[in-house]
Amino acid sequence: MTDNAVRAHLTSLERDGLVQQSGLRQGSRKPHFNYELTADAEQLFPKSHAVILGQVLQVLEEKLPAKVTQDVLSEVGQRLAATHPAPASAKLEQRVQAAVQMLEELGGMAKVEKQDGHFLIRGGSCPLGDASCHHPGVCKAAEAMVAELVEAPVRECCIKGDRPKCCFEIDDVDEKKSSR
């Protein structure tokens, strides 16, 4: 598609209340706008899995101690990561990109930023959003998945609430090793 065609489509989607501007990104010639789906647009996508996942999480929370529930969710994340292992020789940045790719395959739009000796994976949405707004512990499954993929400590710093967005902070262990 041409730039003009993309702009025309975005204008139509924005007019219809399906997307909204969510910030700026520096471009090579001029800043570019980032867009995200609106709450109305999110409702257009099938979400039957969210209802089932929500009930599974509710039962786990009711029947198991909190620590056991967290351990189960962490194991789920690790098993998901095992389906997409990064090459053994991959550098941390490549492993972080693999984690972003897996989050995107699960339905979460994500990007990587590098700040002050760590990577940040920021999601424009959350693949577990419908479940995480009622069961925030489910973010531990995603955190465990990312940690398994990047093979480094990960801290979940997701935005919770009505419009959840994933966020994971990863220390740049490769940079720390090279600075010694």
Protein backbone atom coordinates (compact mmCIF):
# COMPACT_ATOMS: atom_id res chain seq x y z
CA MET A 1 0.00 0.00 0.00
CA THR A 2 1.12 3.53 -0.62
CA ASP A 3 1.64 5.99 2.24
CA ASN A 4 -1.46 7.89 1.10
CA ALA A 5 -3.58 4.72 1.12
CA VAL A 6 -2.42 3.90 4.65
CA ARG A 7 -3.22 7.45 5.81
CA ALA A 8 -6.68 7.24 4.22
CA HIS A 9 -7.41 3.91 5.95
CA LEU A 10 -6.18 5.21 9.30
CA THR A 11 -8.31 8.33 8.93
CA SER A 12 -11.37 6.17 8.26
CA LEU A 13 -10.64 3.86 11.18
CA GLU A 14 -10.05 6.85 13.46
CA ARG A 15 -13.28 8.52 12.29
CA ASP A 16 -15.19 5.28 13.00
CA GLY A 17 -13.72 5.10 16.51
CA LEU A 18 -11.75 1.92 15.87
CA VAL A 19 -8.21 3.27 16.29
CA GLN A 20 -6.71 6.19 18.15
CA GLN A 21 -3.33 7.86 18.21
CA SER A 22 -1.25 6.60 21.10
CA GLY A 23 1.98 8.54 20.82
CA LEU A 24 4.80 9.57 18.55
CA ARG A 25 7.79 7.66 17.25
CA GLN A 26 10.76 9.44 15.74
CA GLY A 27 11.13 8.77 12.02
CA SER A 28 13.98 9.40 9.63
CA ARG A 29 12.22 12.41 8.08
CA LYS A 30 9.49 13.34 10.50
CA PRO A 31 7.78 11.90 13.56
CA HIS A 32 5.32 9.08 12.99
CA PHE A 33 2.16 8.49 14.97
CA ASN A 34 1.56 5.24 16.78
CA TYR A 35 -1.98 3.91 16.75
CA GLU A 36 -3.82 1.45 18.95
CA LEU A 37 -7.21 -0.21 18.82
CA THR A 38 -9.95 1.45 20.83
CA ALA A 39 -12.03 -0.45 23.37
CA ASP A 40 -14.86 -0.58 20.81
CA ALA A 41 -12.56 -2.20 18.24
CA GLU A 42 -11.27 -4.75 20.76
CA GLN A 43 -14.85 -5.97 21.18
CA LEU A 44 -15.04 -6.86 17.48
CA PHE A 45 -12.55 -9.71 17.85
CA PRO A 46 -13.74 -13.14 19.03
CA LYS A 47 -12.84 -13.72 22.66
CA SER A 48 -14.45 -17.00 23.68
CA HIS A 49 -11.06 -18.18 24.93
CA ALA A 50 -11.04 -15.33 27.44
CA VAL A 51 -14.26 -16.53 29.07
CA ILE A 52 -12.88 -20.06 29.44
CA LEU A 53 -9.47 -18.85 30.67
CA GLY A 54 -11.17 -16.56 33.17
CA GLN A 55 -13.14 -19.45 34.61
CA VAL A 56 -10.06 -21.71 34.76
CA LEU A 57 -8.18 -18.98 36.64
CA GLN A 58 -11.13 -18.45 38.99
CA VAL A 59 -11.22 -22.16 39.85
CA LEU A 60 -7.44 -22.26 40.37
CA GLU A 61 -7.62 -19.23 42.68
CA GLU A 62 -10.48 -20.75 44.68
CA LYS A 63 -9.09 -24.29 45.01
CA LEU A 64 -5.34 -23.76 45.31
CA PRO A 65 -3.08 -21.69 47.56
CA ALA A 66 -1.82 -18.51 45.87
CA LYS A 67 1.76 -19.83 45.67
CA VAL A 68 0.63 -23.01 43.90
CA THR A 69 -1.48 -21.00 41.45
CA GLN A 70 1.53 -18.80 40.65
CA ASP A 71 3.73 -21.87 40.20
CA VAL A 72 1.17 -23.36 37.78
CA LEU A 73 1.01 -20.11 35.77
CA SER A 74 4.82 -19.90 35.68
CA GLU A 75 5.01 -23.45 34.37
CA VAL A 76 2.45 -22.63 31.68
CA GLY A 77 4.67 -19.74 30.56
CA GLN A 78 7.76 -21.94 30.53
CA ARG A 79 5.99 -24.59 28.46
CA LEU A 80 4.84 -21.95 25.98
CA ALA A 81 8.42 -20.72 25.63
CA ALA A 82 9.63 -24.28 25.03
CA THR A 83 7.61 -24.31 21.80
CA HIS A 84 9.77 -21.46 20.41
CA PRO A 85 13.32 -21.91 21.74
CA ALA A 86 15.91 -19.37 20.65
CA PRO A 87 19.14 -20.68 19.10
CA ALA A 88 21.73 -21.44 21.80
CA SER A 89 24.20 -18.99 20.24
CA ALA A 90 21.69 -16.10 20.13
CA LYS A 91 22.67 -12.88 21.87
CA LEU A 92 20.32 -11.38 24.42
CA GLU A 93 18.96 -8.83 21.94
CA GLN A 94 18.01 -11.65 19.54
CA ARG A 95 16.36 -13.58 22.36
CA VAL A 96 14.41 -10.45 23.35
CA GLN A 97 13.21 -10.15 19.74
CA ALA A 98 12.13 -13.81 19.88
CA ALA A 99 10.07 -13.01 22.99
CA VAL A 100 8.47 -10.05 21.21
CA GLN A 101 7.64 -12.27 18.25
CA MET A 102 5.99 -14.84 20.52
CA LEU A 103 3.95 -12.15 22.31
CA GLU A 104 2.81 -10.92 18.89
CA GLU A 105 1.89 -14.46 17.81
CA LEU A 106 -0.26 -14.66 20.93
CA GLY A 107 -2.01 -11.43 19.94
CA GLY A 108 -0.10 -8.71 21.77
CA MET A 109 1.48 -5.96 19.70
CA ALA A 110 4.89 -5.31 21.24
CA LYS A 111 8.09 -3.37 20.67
CA VAL A 112 11.51 -3.27 22.31
CA GLU A 113 13.20 -0.24 23.84
CA LYS A 114 16.68 -0.12 25.31
CA GLN A 115 17.15 2.13 28.33
CA ASP A 116 19.83 2.45 31.00
CA GLY A 117 21.30 -1.03 30.73
CA HIS A 118 18.08 -2.94 30.24
CA PHE A 119 15.56 -3.83 27.59
CA LEU A 120 11.89 -2.98 27.89
CA ILE A 121 9.30 -4.95 25.99
CA ARG A 122 6.24 -2.73 25.77
CA GLY A 123 2.99 -4.07 24.47
CA GLY A 124 0.43 -1.94 22.69
CA SER A 125 -2.08 -4.43 24.03
CA CYS A 126 -2.10 -7.62 26.08
CA PRO A 127 -2.74 -11.09 24.62
CA LEU A 128 -4.21 -12.04 28.01
CA GLY A 129 -5.98 -8.71 28.52
CA ASP A 130 -9.46 -9.98 29.19
CA ALA A 131 -8.16 -12.37 31.82
CA SER A 132 -5.50 -10.09 33.33
CA CYS A 133 -7.96 -7.33 34.21
CA HIS A 134 -9.77 -9.74 36.59
CA HIS A 135 -6.85 -12.06 37.38
CA PRO A 136 -3.63 -9.99 37.37
CA GLY A 137 -1.62 -13.04 38.40
CA VAL A 138 -1.94 -14.36 34.85
CA CYS A 139 0.79 -11.88 33.91
CA LYS A 140 3.19 -14.25 35.72
CA ALA A 141 2.64 -16.78 32.95
CA ALA A 142 3.74 -14.21 30.37
CA GLU A 143 6.65 -13.13 32.59
CA ALA A 144 7.83 -16.75 32.92
CA MET A 145 7.49 -17.23 29.16
CA VAL A 146 9.60 -14.14 28.43
CA ALA A 147 12.19 -15.12 31.07
CA GLU A 148 12.49 -18.60 29.60
CA LEU A 149 12.92 -17.20 26.09
CA VAL A 150 15.47 -14.50 26.97
CA GLU A 151 17.34 -16.64 29.53
CA ALA A 152 17.73 -13.61 31.82
CA PRO A 153 15.92 -12.15 34.81
CA VAL A 154 12.63 -10.49 33.84
CA ARG A 155 10.43 -8.14 35.85
CA GLU A 156 6.79 -7.87 34.84
CA CYS A 157 5.63 -4.23 34.94
CA CYS A 158 2.39 -4.56 33.01
CA ILE A 159 -0.26 -1.86 32.93
CA LYS A 160 -3.35 -3.37 34.46
CA GLY A 161 -6.96 -2.21 34.25
CA ASP A 162 -9.55 -1.83 31.52
CA ARG A 163 -6.93 -1.45 28.73
CA PRO A 164 -4.06 -3.69 29.90
CA LYS A 165 -0.69 -3.54 28.17
CA CYS A 166 2.23 -5.88 28.63
CA CYS A 167 5.54 -4.56 29.87
CA PHE A 168 8.63 -6.55 30.79
CA GLU A 169 11.99 -5.24 31.96
CA ILE A 170 15.08 -7.33 31.19
CA ASP A 171 18.55 -6.56 32.50
CA ASP A 172 21.12 -6.52 29.71
CA VAL A 173 23.30 -9.28 31.12
CA ASP A 174 25.42 -9.31 27.91
CA GLU A 175 26.28 -5.61 28.42
CA LYS A 176 27.14 -6.15 32.09
CA LYS A 177 29.47 -9.06 31.20
CA SER A 178 31.31 -7.01 28.56
CA SER A 179 31.79 -4.00 30.88
CA ARG A 180 33.68 -6.08 33.48
